[in-house]
Amino acid sequence: MVTLGDIIRAGRRLAPRLPPTPLVAAPELGDKIWLKLENANKTHSFKIRGALNAVLSLSPEERSRGIIAASSGNHAGAVAYAAQLTGAAAQILMPKTTPMKKVDNVRRYGAEAVLFGDNYDLAEAEALRRAREGGTWISPYNDAKVIAGAGTIGVEILRQLPDVGRVLVPVSGGGLIAGVAAAVKELDPGIEVIGVNARSAPAMYNFFHRANLPQVWDTLADALSGEIEDGSITLPLCRRYLDDMILVSEERIAAAMRFMQETRGCAVEGGGAAAVAALMRDVLPRDGKATALVVSGGNVDLSVLRRVLS
């Protein structure tokens, strides 16, 4: 399990390299609504927190074997950046459908981007096969150091907004929300933590609610797609700490992306806008609780953004 101590240590490890991300009021969404802008982070995503914490925690021998990862986008860029920072070689397996902006991010930092398979699950299976042949595997979610790095977001939110009563977090494999929820609930068990799945990518929703909704790979929330690895440490963490898991449609995700562009002046990818989409869907009570929405990433292709805006 990942402890609050693990998250605090991750924060100390990351502090010299990653300043806190902004938490800004969003009165257009309602009273006491705040946006935690992880799209303002290095590599434009929360993923840099976990990837950098994991890579900095590796031994020199583990780094010398070369890092292998799989990602539909943001973990890829984060691992590539972390590898470059520490002088390690990195090979990232990415689905053929990955937006080119995210592929370019990997190559920009000197890592090898390998396009493989038509969806994330196939890319991950190939990455795991290659890691078994000798590389050092860093999971995008099923890794205690990755989860602890993501958990630093929860600590920052409580420091920036001491009266926060609810936190909404986009969810894929659960690394982000497992870390955030562990931090928030250990510091204040009374704060609600709610996960948001795209309806097209319902893996954690299925686990949490014992449902069996299908995975749909054609989605604006490509970063949230994929099933969760059997035995992932994110599952018991989410079962222990989450108050609820909810779903948002493609239409709501598109509306949230438009909102972020038109009213906040920033491009946000579909997965990154999921928490905003949940609030716009009006599924939460307007109870006056100070609510923080984690905007998890901003790496969206210009062609996709144009289509959404039109």
Foldseek 3Di string as FASTA:
>chain_A
DAALVLLVVLCVVCVVPWPQADWADDCVLHPLEIERQCCPTVLRFLQLQLLLQVLVPDDPVQQALEEEEEALASVLLSNLQNCLVVVGEYEYEHAPPRPVLRVVSNVVSPYHYHHDHHARVRSHVVRVVVVVVTHRYDYSAQDNSSLSSLLNNLVVCCVVPVQFAEEEEEAALQSNQLSNQNNNCVVPVRHAYEYEYELLACQLQCLQVVHDRHHHCPAQQRRRHDHHDPPRPSSVSCNPGHPYYYYAYRLLLLVQQLCCCPPVVAGATSSLSRQVSVSVVVPDDPPVGNYYYYRGGRRDDPVVNVVSND
